[in-house]
C-alpha atoms as a PDB file:
ATOM      1  CA  MET A   1      17.248   4.165  -2.585  1.00  0.00           C
ATOM      2  CA  ALA A   2      16.010   7.932  -1.584  1.00  0.00           C
ATOM      3  CA  LYS A   3      12.477   8.351  -0.542  1.00  0.00           C
ATOM      4  CA  THR A   4       9.676   8.369  -3.509  1.00  0.00           C
ATOM      5  CA  THR A   5       6.435  10.432  -3.434  1.00  0.00           C
ATOM      6  CA  GLN A   6       4.020  10.636  -5.891  1.00  0.00           C
ATOM      7  CA  LEU A   7       0.955  12.958  -6.312  1.00  0.00           C
ATOM      8  CA  ARG A   8      -1.868  11.018  -7.344  1.00  0.00           C
ATOM      9  CA  THR A   9      -4.988  12.359  -8.942  1.00  0.00           C
ATOM     10  CA  TYR A  10      -8.275  10.972  -9.800  1.00  0.00           C
ATOM     11  CA  THR A  11     -10.961  11.810 -11.329  1.00  0.00           C
ATOM     12  CA  VAL A  12     -13.801   9.193  -9.835  1.00  0.00           C
ATOM     13  CA  ARG A  13     -16.970   8.149 -11.960  1.00  0.00           C
ATOM     14  CA  ASP A  14     -19.923   9.481 -11.402  1.00  0.00           C
ATOM     15  CA  GLY A  15     -21.755   8.158  -8.275  1.00  0.00           C
ATOM     16  CA  MET A  16     -18.773   6.120  -7.491  1.00  0.00           C
ATOM     17  CA  LEU A  17     -17.195   8.524  -5.267  1.00  0.00           C
ATOM     18  CA  ASP A  18     -18.419   7.235  -1.848  1.00  0.00           C
ATOM     19  CA  GLU A  19     -17.565   3.799  -2.928  1.00  0.00           C
ATOM     20  CA  TRP A  20     -14.116   4.431  -4.349  1.00  0.00           C
ATOM     21  CA  LEU A  21     -13.180   5.730  -0.728  1.00  0.00           C
ATOM     22  CA  GLU A  22     -14.504   3.181   1.411  1.00  0.00           C
ATOM     23  CA  ARG A  23     -12.890   0.255  -0.829  1.00  0.00           C
ATOM     24  CA  TRP A  24      -9.512   2.763  -1.205  1.00  0.00           C
ATOM     25  CA  ARG A  25      -9.738   2.860   2.857  1.00  0.00           C
ATOM     26  CA  GLU A  26     -10.010  -0.327   3.552  1.00  0.00           C
ATOM     27  CA  GLU A  27      -8.589  -2.683   1.028  1.00  0.00           C
ATOM     28  CA  ILE A  28      -6.149  -0.413  -0.871  1.00  0.00           C
ATOM     29  CA  VAL A  29      -4.630   1.497   2.309  1.00  0.00           C
ATOM     30  CA  PRO A  30      -3.947  -1.875   4.526  1.00  0.00           C
ATOM     31  CA  LEU A  31      -2.154  -3.455   1.919  1.00  0.00           C
ATOM     32  CA  ARG A  32       0.085  -0.528   0.533  1.00  0.00           C
ATOM     33  CA  LEU A  33       0.921  -0.238   4.498  1.00  0.00           C
ATOM     34  CA  ALA A  34       1.314  -3.741   4.814  1.00  0.00           C
ATOM     35  CA  LEU A  35       3.755  -3.127   1.554  1.00  0.00           C
ATOM     36  CA  GLY A  36       6.139  -0.810   3.227  1.00  0.00           C
ATOM     37  CA  PHE A  37       4.162   2.525   1.872  1.00  0.00           C
ATOM     38  CA  THR A  38       3.445   5.464   3.715  1.00  0.00           C
ATOM     39  CA  ILE A  39       0.132   7.681   2.776  1.00  0.00           C
ATOM     40  CA  ASP A  40       0.769  11.034   3.440  1.00  0.00           C
ATOM     41  CA  GLY A  41      -2.711  12.200   2.821  1.00  0.00           C
ATOM     42  CA  ALA A  42      -5.422  12.115   1.140  1.00  0.00           C
ATOM     43  CA  TRP A  43      -8.723  14.533   0.254  1.00  0.00           C
ATOM     44  CA  VAL A  44     -11.443  14.292  -1.909  1.00  0.00           C
ATOM     45  CA  ASP A  45     -12.926  17.393  -3.896  1.00  0.00           C
ATOM     46  CA  ARG A  46     -16.640  16.755  -3.828  1.00  0.00           C
ATOM     47  CA  GLU A  47     -17.900  18.810  -6.660  1.00  0.00           C
ATOM     48  CA  ARG A  48     -15.221  18.124  -9.050  1.00  0.00           C
ATOM     49  CA  SER A  49     -15.377  14.011  -8.118  1.00  0.00           C
ATOM     50  CA  ARG A  50     -11.656  14.244  -7.742  1.00  0.00           C
ATOM     51  CA  PHE A  51      -9.622  11.944  -5.257  1.00  0.00           C
ATOM     52  CA  VAL A  52      -6.048  13.159  -4.158  1.00  0.00           C
ATOM     53  CA  TRP A  53      -3.883  11.647  -2.354  1.00  0.00           C
ATOM     54  CA  LEU A  54      -0.135  10.924  -1.829  1.00  0.00           C
ATOM     55  CA  ILE A  55       1.784   7.960  -1.349  1.00  0.00           C
ATOM     56  CA  SER A  56       6.018   7.737  -0.614  1.00  0.00           C
ATOM     57  CA  TYR A  57       8.173   4.583  -0.174  1.00  0.00           C
ATOM     58  CA  ASP A  58      11.705   4.283   1.649  1.00  0.00           C
ATOM     59  CA  GLY A  59      12.808   1.140   1.162  1.00  0.00           C
ATOM     60  CA  PRO A  60      15.619  -0.773  -0.474  1.00  0.00           C
ATOM     61  CA  GLU A  61      13.525  -1.117  -3.864  1.00  0.00           C
ATOM     62  CA  THR A  62      12.854   1.513  -6.171  1.00  0.00           C
ATOM     63  CA  PHE A  63       8.724   3.138  -6.132  1.00  0.00           C
ATOM     64  CA  GLU A  64       8.342   1.270  -9.455  1.00  0.00           C
ATOM     65  CA  GLU A  65       9.842  -2.132  -8.428  1.00  0.00           C
ATOM     66  CA  ARG A  66       7.493  -2.402  -4.844  1.00  0.00           C
ATOM     67  CA  ASN A  67       4.512  -1.186  -6.915  1.00  0.00           C
ATOM     68  CA  ALA A  68       5.126  -3.962  -9.077  1.00  0.00           C
ATOM     69  CA  VAL A  69       5.294  -6.257  -6.188  1.00  0.00           C
ATOM     70  CA  TYR A  70       1.767  -4.216  -5.037  1.00  0.00           C
ATOM     71  CA  TRP A  71       0.178  -5.060  -8.025  1.00  0.00           C
ATOM     72  CA  ALA A  72       1.307  -9.116  -8.329  1.00  0.00           C
ATOM     73  CA  SER A  73       0.130  -9.952  -4.810  1.00  0.00           C
ATOM     74  CA  PRO A  74      -2.563 -11.989  -4.343  1.00  0.00           C
ATOM     75  CA  ARG A  75      -4.279  -9.819  -1.468  1.00  0.00           C
ATOM     76  CA  ARG A  76      -4.222  -7.544  -4.336  1.00  0.00           C
ATOM     77  CA  THR A  77      -5.782  -9.584  -7.320  1.00  0.00           C
ATOM     78  CA  ALA A  78      -8.030 -11.206  -3.810  1.00  0.00           C
ATOM     79  CA  MET A  79      -9.608  -7.422  -4.163  1.00  0.00           C
ATOM     80  CA  GLY A  80     -11.214  -8.228  -7.294  1.00  0.00           C
ATOM     81  CA  LEU A  81     -10.825  -4.149  -7.446  1.00  0.00           C
ATOM     82  CA  ASP A  82     -10.496  -2.812 -10.754  1.00  0.00           C
ATOM     83  CA  PRO A  83      -9.652   1.103 -10.961  1.00  0.00           C
ATOM     84  CA  ASP A  84     -11.360   1.448 -14.707  1.00  0.00           C
ATOM     85  CA  ASP A  85     -14.547   0.409 -12.806  1.00  0.00           C
ATOM     86  CA  TYR A  86     -13.986   3.838 -10.527  1.00  0.00           C
ATOM     87  CA  LEU A  87     -12.155   5.866 -12.434  1.00  0.00           C
ATOM     88  CA  ALA A  88     -12.290   7.598 -15.966  1.00  0.00           C
ATOM     89  CA  HIS A  89      -8.639   9.116 -15.250  1.00  0.00           C
ATOM     90  CA  THR A  90      -5.617   9.079 -13.507  1.00  0.00           C
ATOM     91  CA  ASP A  91      -2.368  11.193 -13.170  1.00  0.00           C
ATOM     92  CA  ASP A  92       0.576  10.423 -11.034  1.00  0.00           C
ATOM     93  CA  ARG A  93       3.482  12.529 -10.865  1.00  0.00           C
ATOM     94  CA  THR A  94       6.595  11.777  -8.722  1.00  0.00           C
ATOM     95  CA  VAL A  95       7.056  15.050  -6.394  1.00  0.00           C
ATOM     96  CA  GLU A  96      10.212  16.241  -4.081  1.00  0.00           C
ATOM     97  CA  ARG A  97       9.171  18.202  -0.736  1.00  0.00           C
ATOM     98  CA  VAL A  98      10.449  21.833  -0.370  1.00  0.00           C
ATOM     99  CA  ARG A  99      12.097  22.429   2.673  1.00  0.00           C
END
């Protein structure tokens, strides 16, 4: 499969940005990396309470198939993390690098 990259933009609920960032760094990123994803960068827009990141997968499965593995993993379940508790809006877009 070809490498797939998603640009993810999240609007985080008021007052929850720092908690979201901590959980993303400490829980989400390590599991994503363990499952073969790459985090290509992450940014925060505190003024608008937005979190933006790039995530890629370049493996034998499609991004969607590997993403399903992430969501079904026991480690993901053990997090007890419901994104809806933190995120008011999400926008995920598949993007291509321009060379």
